[in-house]
Amino acid sequence: ICLSGGGSRIPGLEDVFREHLNIEVSIFNPLDYIEWDVGNFDGEYLACIGPQMAIPMGLTLRKTKEK
């Protein structure tokens, strides 16, 4: 299971899923897969908000209809 969104920041949530479902659980951070300038962005901040960026990143990358 890949957790994302603000709820993924609930302390211990990852462990609860892991223990009750006996499967691998991780927190998905789409910002881990892009390059960013360390001089312009705070890495700790990006790590904190990254899981909340899954839907906005997906919407940004989707293909729109061409007319």
C-alpha atoms as a PDB file:
ATOM      1  CA  ILE A   1       0.000   0.000   0.000  1.00  0.00           C
ATOM      2  CA  CYS A   2       1.212   3.502  -0.810  1.00  0.00           C
ATOM      3  CA  LEU A   3      -0.273   6.117   1.498  1.00  0.00           C
ATOM      4  CA  SER A   4      -0.607   9.686   0.287  1.00  0.00           C
ATOM      5  CA  GLY A   5      -2.419  12.881   1.189  1.00  0.00           C
ATOM      6  CA  GLY A   6      -2.632  14.655   4.494  1.00  0.00           C
ATOM      7  CA  GLY A   7      -3.879  11.529   6.258  1.00  0.00           C
ATOM      8  CA  SER A   8      -0.586   9.805   5.538  1.00  0.00           C
ATOM      9  CA  ARG A   9       0.966  12.137   8.114  1.00  0.00           C
ATOM     10  CA  ILE A  10      -1.079  10.628  10.968  1.00  0.00           C
ATOM     11  CA  PRO A  11       1.516   9.271  13.398  1.00  0.00           C
ATOM     12  CA  GLY A  12       1.553   5.478  13.426  1.00  0.00           C
ATOM     13  CA  LEU A  13      -0.886   5.011  10.526  1.00  0.00           C
ATOM     14  CA  GLU A  14       1.723   3.283   8.380  1.00  0.00           C
ATOM     15  CA  ASP A  15       2.429   0.796  11.191  1.00  0.00           C
ATOM     16  CA  VAL A  16      -1.272   0.073  11.779  1.00  0.00           C
ATOM     17  CA  PHE A  17      -1.784  -0.919   8.137  1.00  0.00           C
ATOM     18  CA  ARG A  18       1.430  -2.948   8.114  1.00  0.00           C
ATOM     19  CA  GLU A  19       0.537  -4.868  11.284  1.00  0.00           C
ATOM     20  CA  HIS A  20      -3.112  -5.556  10.447  1.00  0.00           C
ATOM     21  CA  LEU A  21      -2.695  -6.393   6.761  1.00  0.00           C
ATOM     22  CA  ASN A  22       0.750  -8.026   6.863  1.00  0.00           C
ATOM     23  CA  ILE A  23       1.858  -6.242   3.684  1.00  0.00           C
ATOM     24  CA  GLU A  24       4.443  -3.648   2.792  1.00  0.00           C
ATOM     25  CA  VAL A  25       3.292  -0.074   3.413  1.00  0.00           C
ATOM     26  CA  SER A  26       5.047   3.120   2.380  1.00  0.00           C
ATOM     27  CA  ILE A  27       4.301   6.799   2.119  1.00  0.00           C
ATOM     28  CA  PHE A  28       4.181   8.027  -1.475  1.00  0.00           C
ATOM     29  CA  ASN A  29       5.936  11.309  -2.167  1.00  0.00           C
ATOM     30  CA  PRO A  30       5.803  12.318  -5.848  1.00  0.00           C
ATOM     31  CA  LEU A  31       8.365  15.034  -5.157  1.00  0.00           C
ATOM     32  CA  ASP A  32      10.965  12.281  -4.647  1.00  0.00           C
ATOM     33  CA  TYR A  33      10.895  11.766  -8.414  1.00  0.00           C
ATOM     34  CA  ILE A  34      11.611  15.314  -9.566  1.00  0.00           C
ATOM     35  CA  GLU A  35      14.697  17.490  -9.409  1.00  0.00           C
ATOM     36  CA  TRP A  36      14.563  20.750  -7.530  1.00  0.00           C
ATOM     37  CA  ASP A  37      17.036  23.507  -6.703  1.00  0.00           C
ATOM     38  CA  VAL A  38      18.233  23.146  -3.096  1.00  0.00           C
ATOM     39  CA  GLY A  39      19.011  26.860  -3.100  1.00  0.00           C
ATOM     40  CA  ASN A  40      15.379  27.767  -3.741  1.00  0.00           C
ATOM     41  CA  PHE A  41      13.452  25.073  -1.864  1.00  0.00           C
ATOM     42  CA  ASP A  42      13.692  23.704   1.668  1.00  0.00           C
ATOM     43  CA  GLY A  43      14.119  19.912   1.476  1.00  0.00           C
ATOM     44  CA  GLU A  44      12.487  19.317   4.867  1.00  0.00           C
ATOM     45  CA  TYR A  45       9.436  21.307   3.835  1.00  0.00           C
ATOM     46  CA  LEU A  46       9.126  19.415   0.530  1.00  0.00           C
ATOM     47  CA  ALA A  47       9.428  16.092   2.370  1.00  0.00           C
ATOM     48  CA  CYS A  48       6.627  17.197   4.699  1.00  0.00           C
ATOM     49  CA  ILE A  49       4.182  18.364   2.009  1.00  0.00           C
ATOM     50  CA  GLY A  50       5.174  15.825  -0.645  1.00  0.00           C
ATOM     51  CA  PRO A  51       2.524  13.186   0.155  1.00  0.00           C
ATOM     52  CA  GLN A  52      -0.133  15.898  -0.097  1.00  0.00           C
ATOM     53  CA  MET A  53       1.027  16.699  -3.624  1.00  0.00           C
ATOM     54  CA  ALA A  54       0.027  13.348  -5.204  1.00  0.00           C
ATOM     55  CA  ILE A  55      -3.278  14.557  -6.652  1.00  0.00           C
ATOM     56  CA  PRO A  56      -2.066  18.036  -7.712  1.00  0.00           C
ATOM     57  CA  MET A  57       0.956  16.463  -9.440  1.00  0.00           C
ATOM     58  CA  GLY A  58      -1.245  13.892 -11.168  1.00  0.00           C
ATOM     59  CA  LEU A  59      -3.642  16.557 -12.385  1.00  0.00           C
ATOM     60  CA  THR A  60      -0.747  18.653 -13.629  1.00  0.00           C
ATOM     61  CA  LEU A  61       0.727  15.782 -15.616  1.00  0.00           C
ATOM     62  CA  ARG A  62      -2.459  14.420 -17.179  1.00  0.00           C
ATOM     63  CA  LYS A  63      -3.079  14.846 -20.853  1.00  0.00           C
ATOM     64  CA  THR A  64      -5.839  17.236 -21.779  1.00  0.00           C
ATOM     65  CA  LYS A  65      -8.091  17.001 -24.811  1.00  0.00           C
ATOM     66  CA  GLU A  66      -6.726  18.729 -27.854  1.00  0.00           C
ATOM     67  CA  LYS A  67      -9.315  20.595 -29.918  1.00  0.00           C
END
